[in-house]
Structure formats: structure tokens, C-alpha cells
N, C-alpha and C. Protein backbone atom coordinates (compact mmCIF):
# COMPACT_ATOMS: atom_id res chain seq x y z
N MET A 1 66.09 97.65 54.90
CA MET A 1 66.62 98.27 56.10
C MET A 1 67.01 99.70 55.79
N ALA A 2 66.56 100.60 56.59
CA ALA A 2 66.84 102.02 56.39
C ALA A 2 68.22 102.36 56.94
N VAL A 3 68.89 103.27 56.26
CA VAL A 3 70.21 103.72 56.69
C VAL A 3 70.02 104.96 57.55
N ALA A 4 70.59 104.92 58.77
CA ALA A 4 70.47 106.06 59.69
C ALA A 4 71.55 107.07 59.39
N PRO A 5 71.25 108.36 59.52
CA PRO A 5 72.27 109.39 59.32
C PRO A 5 73.35 109.30 60.39
N VAL A 6 74.51 109.85 60.07
CA VAL A 6 75.63 109.85 61.00
C VAL A 6 75.24 110.62 62.24
N GLY A 7 75.59 110.08 63.40
CA GLY A 7 75.31 110.75 64.67
C GLY A 7 74.00 110.32 65.29
N VAL A 8 73.20 109.58 64.57
CA VAL A 8 71.94 109.10 65.13
C VAL A 8 72.16 107.65 65.56
N GLY A 9 71.85 107.37 66.80
CA GLY A 9 72.06 106.03 67.33
C GLY A 9 71.12 105.02 66.69
N VAL A 10 71.65 103.88 66.37
CA VAL A 10 70.85 102.79 65.82
C VAL A 10 70.47 101.89 66.98
N PRO A 11 69.19 101.60 67.17
CA PRO A 11 68.81 100.75 68.30
C PRO A 11 69.37 99.34 68.14
N LEU A 12 69.78 98.78 69.28
CA LEU A 12 70.30 97.41 69.28
C LEU A 12 69.15 96.42 69.22
N PRO A 13 69.36 95.31 68.56
CA PRO A 13 68.32 94.28 68.56
C PRO A 13 68.05 93.81 69.99
N ALA A 14 66.86 93.33 70.23
CA ALA A 14 66.47 92.88 71.57
C ALA A 14 67.40 91.75 72.02
N GLY A 15 67.81 91.80 73.26
CA GLY A 15 68.65 90.74 73.84
C GLY A 15 70.13 90.97 73.67
N THR A 16 70.56 92.07 73.07
CA THR A 16 71.99 92.34 72.93
C THR A 16 72.35 93.51 73.82
N ALA A 17 73.49 93.39 74.46
CA ALA A 17 73.97 94.45 75.34
C ALA A 17 75.09 95.20 74.65
N PRO A 18 75.26 96.48 74.96
CA PRO A 18 76.36 97.22 74.35
C PRO A 18 77.70 96.65 74.82
N ALA A 19 78.71 96.76 73.97
CA ALA A 19 80.03 96.22 74.30
C ALA A 19 80.62 97.00 75.47
N LYS A 20 81.25 96.27 76.37
CA LYS A 20 81.89 96.88 77.54
C LYS A 20 83.24 97.44 77.13
N ALA A 21 83.55 98.61 77.65
CA ALA A 21 84.82 99.24 77.33
C ALA A 21 85.96 98.42 77.91
N ALA A 22 87.09 98.44 77.23
CA ALA A 22 88.28 97.72 77.69
C ALA A 22 88.77 98.38 78.98
N PRO A 23 89.35 97.58 79.88
CA PRO A 23 89.84 98.16 81.14
C PRO A 23 91.00 99.12 80.87
N GLY A 24 91.11 100.12 81.71
CA GLY A 24 92.17 101.10 81.58
C GLY A 24 93.49 100.57 82.11
N PHE A 25 94.55 101.35 81.90
CA PHE A 25 95.89 100.93 82.32
C PHE A 25 95.94 100.71 83.82
N GLY A 26 95.33 101.59 84.59
CA GLY A 26 95.34 101.47 86.04
C GLY A 26 94.65 100.20 86.51
N GLU A 27 93.54 99.86 85.87
CA GLU A 27 92.82 98.64 86.25
C GLU A 27 93.62 97.40 85.91
N VAL A 28 94.30 97.41 84.77
CA VAL A 28 95.14 96.27 84.39
C VAL A 28 96.29 96.13 85.37
N LEU A 29 96.91 97.24 85.72
CA LEU A 29 98.02 97.22 86.66
C LEU A 29 97.57 96.74 88.03
N GLU A 30 96.42 97.23 88.47
CA GLU A 30 95.89 96.80 89.77
C GLU A 30 95.60 95.30 89.78
N GLY A 31 95.04 94.80 88.70
CA GLY A 31 94.77 93.37 88.60
C GLY A 31 96.04 92.54 88.62
N ALA A 32 97.08 93.02 87.96
CA ALA A 32 98.35 92.29 87.94
C ALA A 32 98.97 92.24 89.33
N VAL A 33 98.95 93.37 90.02
CA VAL A 33 99.51 93.41 91.38
C VAL A 33 98.70 92.50 92.31
N GLN A 34 97.39 92.50 92.16
CA GLN A 34 96.54 91.64 92.99
C GLN A 34 96.84 90.17 92.73
N LYS A 35 97.08 89.82 91.47
CA LYS A 35 97.38 88.42 91.14
C LYS A 35 98.72 87.99 91.75
N VAL A 36 99.71 88.88 91.73
CA VAL A 36 100.99 88.58 92.36
C VAL A 36 100.80 88.38 93.86
N SER A 37 100.00 89.25 94.46
CA SER A 37 99.73 89.13 95.90
C SER A 37 99.02 87.82 96.22
N ASP A 38 98.05 87.45 95.39
CA ASP A 38 97.34 86.18 95.60
C ASP A 38 98.28 84.99 95.48
N THR A 39 99.20 85.05 94.53
CA THR A 39 100.17 83.97 94.35
C THR A 39 101.07 83.84 95.58
N GLU A 40 101.51 84.97 96.11
CA GLU A 40 102.34 84.95 97.32
C GLU A 40 101.56 84.41 98.52
N ASN A 41 100.31 84.83 98.66
CA ASN A 41 99.49 84.35 99.78
C ASN A 41 99.26 82.85 99.70
N HIS A 42 99.04 82.33 98.49
CA HIS A 42 98.84 80.89 98.31
C HIS A 42 100.10 80.12 98.72
N ALA A 43 101.26 80.62 98.30
CA ALA A 43 102.52 79.97 98.67
C ALA A 43 102.73 80.02 100.18
N ASP A 44 102.42 81.15 100.80
CA ASP A 44 102.56 81.28 102.25
C ASP A 44 101.63 80.31 102.98
N ASN A 45 100.39 80.20 102.50
CA ASN A 45 99.44 79.28 103.14
C ASN A 45 99.92 77.83 103.06
N LEU A 46 100.43 77.44 101.90
CA LEU A 46 100.93 76.07 101.76
C LEU A 46 102.14 75.83 102.66
N LEU A 47 103.01 76.82 102.76
CA LEU A 47 104.19 76.70 103.62
C LEU A 47 103.79 76.58 105.09
N GLU A 48 102.79 77.35 105.50
CA GLU A 48 102.31 77.26 106.88
C GLU A 48 101.71 75.89 107.16
N LYS A 49 100.94 75.37 106.21
CA LYS A 49 100.36 74.03 106.39
C LYS A 49 101.46 72.98 106.51
N LEU A 50 102.48 73.11 105.69
CA LEU A 50 103.60 72.16 105.76
C LEU A 50 104.31 72.26 107.11
N ALA A 51 104.51 73.48 107.60
CA ALA A 51 105.18 73.68 108.88
C ALA A 51 104.36 73.12 110.05
N ARG A 52 103.01 73.16 109.93
CA ARG A 52 102.15 72.63 110.97
C ARG A 52 102.02 71.11 110.89
N GLY A 53 102.56 70.53 109.85
CA GLY A 53 102.51 69.08 109.72
C GLY A 53 101.25 68.58 109.03
N GLU A 54 100.51 69.47 108.39
CA GLU A 54 99.31 69.04 107.68
C GLU A 54 99.69 68.28 106.42
N ASP A 55 98.71 67.63 105.83
CA ASP A 55 98.94 66.80 104.66
C ASP A 55 99.07 67.67 103.42
N VAL A 56 100.29 68.11 103.14
CA VAL A 56 100.59 68.92 101.96
C VAL A 56 101.81 68.31 101.30
N GLU A 57 101.73 68.14 100.00
CA GLU A 57 102.86 67.58 99.26
C GLU A 57 103.97 68.62 99.17
N LEU A 58 105.20 68.17 99.38
CA LEU A 58 106.35 69.06 99.34
C LEU A 58 106.51 69.69 97.96
N HIS A 59 106.23 68.92 96.91
CA HIS A 59 106.39 69.49 95.58
C HIS A 59 105.37 70.60 95.31
N GLN A 60 104.19 70.53 95.92
CA GLN A 60 103.21 71.60 95.76
C GLN A 60 103.71 72.90 96.39
N VAL A 61 104.33 72.76 97.56
CA VAL A 61 104.87 73.93 98.25
C VAL A 61 106.00 74.54 97.44
N THR A 62 106.88 73.68 96.91
CA THR A 62 108.01 74.16 96.12
C THR A 62 107.54 74.86 94.85
N ILE A 63 106.56 74.29 94.17
CA ILE A 63 106.03 74.89 92.95
C ILE A 63 105.38 76.23 93.27
N ALA A 64 104.58 76.30 94.32
CA ALA A 64 103.90 77.54 94.68
C ALA A 64 104.91 78.63 95.05
N ALA A 65 105.96 78.26 95.79
CA ALA A 65 106.98 79.24 96.17
C ALA A 65 107.74 79.74 94.94
N THR A 66 108.03 78.84 94.02
CA THR A 66 108.73 79.24 92.80
C THR A 66 107.86 80.14 91.94
N GLU A 67 106.57 79.81 91.82
CA GLU A 67 105.65 80.67 91.07
C GLU A 67 105.58 82.06 91.68
N ALA A 68 105.52 82.12 93.00
CA ALA A 68 105.46 83.42 93.69
C ALA A 68 106.73 84.23 93.44
N ALA A 69 107.87 83.57 93.53
CA ALA A 69 109.14 84.27 93.31
C ALA A 69 109.25 84.78 91.87
N LEU A 70 108.84 83.95 90.92
CA LEU A 70 108.91 84.36 89.52
C LEU A 70 107.94 85.50 89.21
N SER A 71 106.76 85.45 89.81
CA SER A 71 105.80 86.52 89.55
C SER A 71 106.29 87.85 90.14
N VAL A 72 106.95 87.80 91.29
CA VAL A 72 107.51 89.03 91.86
C VAL A 72 108.65 89.54 90.99
N GLN A 73 109.50 88.64 90.50
CA GLN A 73 110.60 89.05 89.63
C GLN A 73 110.07 89.69 88.35
N LEU A 74 109.01 89.12 87.79
CA LEU A 74 108.41 89.68 86.58
C LEU A 74 107.83 91.06 86.86
N MET A 75 107.15 91.20 87.99
CA MET A 75 106.56 92.49 88.33
C MET A 75 107.65 93.55 88.50
N VAL A 76 108.76 93.19 89.12
CA VAL A 76 109.86 94.13 89.30
C VAL A 76 110.47 94.51 87.95
N ALA A 77 110.61 93.53 87.06
CA ALA A 77 111.16 93.82 85.73
C ALA A 77 110.25 94.75 84.94
N VAL A 78 108.95 94.53 85.03
CA VAL A 78 108.00 95.41 84.34
C VAL A 78 108.05 96.80 84.93
N ARG A 79 108.14 96.88 86.26
CA ARG A 79 108.24 98.20 86.90
C ARG A 79 109.49 98.93 86.44
N ASP A 80 110.62 98.22 86.39
CA ASP A 80 111.87 98.84 85.96
C ASP A 80 111.76 99.36 84.53
N GLN A 81 111.13 98.58 83.65
CA GLN A 81 110.96 99.02 82.27
C GLN A 81 110.05 100.24 82.19
N ALA A 82 109.00 100.26 82.99
CA ALA A 82 108.10 101.41 82.98
C ALA A 82 108.80 102.66 83.49
N VAL A 83 109.59 102.53 84.53
CA VAL A 83 110.34 103.68 85.07
C VAL A 83 111.36 104.16 84.04
N GLU A 84 112.02 103.23 83.37
CA GLU A 84 112.99 103.61 82.35
C GLU A 84 112.31 104.34 81.19
N ALA A 85 111.17 103.84 80.76
CA ALA A 85 110.44 104.50 79.67
C ALA A 85 110.00 105.89 80.10
N TYR A 86 109.51 106.02 81.32
CA TYR A 86 109.09 107.33 81.83
C TYR A 86 110.28 108.29 81.86
N THR A 87 111.43 107.80 82.31
CA THR A 87 112.62 108.63 82.39
C THR A 87 113.05 109.10 81.00
N GLN A 88 112.99 108.19 80.03
CA GLN A 88 113.37 108.57 78.67
C GLN A 88 112.40 109.60 78.10
N ILE A 89 111.13 109.46 78.37
CA ILE A 89 110.15 110.43 77.88
C ILE A 89 110.38 111.79 78.52
N MET A 90 110.67 111.79 79.82
CA MET A 90 110.89 113.06 80.51
C MET A 90 112.18 113.74 80.05
N ASN A 91 113.15 112.96 79.56
CA ASN A 91 114.42 113.54 79.11
C ASN A 91 114.38 113.98 77.65
N MET A 92 113.27 113.74 76.96
CA MET A 92 113.17 114.18 75.55
C MET A 92 113.18 115.69 75.50
N GLN A 93 113.88 116.20 74.49
CA GLN A 93 113.93 117.65 74.29
C GLN A 93 113.23 117.99 73.00
N TYR A 94 112.66 119.16 72.98
CA TYR A 94 111.94 119.61 71.78
C TYR A 94 112.87 120.14 70.76
């Protein structure tokens, strides 16, 4: 096997795709917020079904509501930590 000089691309073997770049901070944050929103919507849908008298187990509604509340609390805690870190960075002096 020949060694390629630095800066020269080595062709990939057939059938292999280049590695996908890791998602950026904004994409991760957007995904987390979307997941919290989905959790809340699921809890709301179960609660509506229960209120309409549909066949929904009460424990499922309670678990979904608790998961939604905890996910919102976690999101708020992460936001508070991010704001605090930003504030500390902005207050740094040279």
C-alpha cells in the first residue's frame, strides 16, 4: 500500500460513506426543546382523552404529566445554568 503525502485525499473504499459531522450546539438545543414540546403534547393528548371518557389508564396520564413537568423543570435548570455561565463570562476582566 502506497503512503499518500499530507494534504492529498485518500480515496475511500467502495461502499463506505464519509463520516457525518457531529450536530452543532444550536441543533442539539433545538432537538432538546422539540423533545420537551413533544412530551408536553403527549401528556396533553392523554389528558384530553381521559376528559372525553376514552379508554385511557389513569396511571398513564399521571406518568405522562409527571414526565412533561420534569422535562420542563430540567430545561429551565439548563437554561438558568447557561445564562449564569454567560453572565460570568461577560463579567470576566482582562
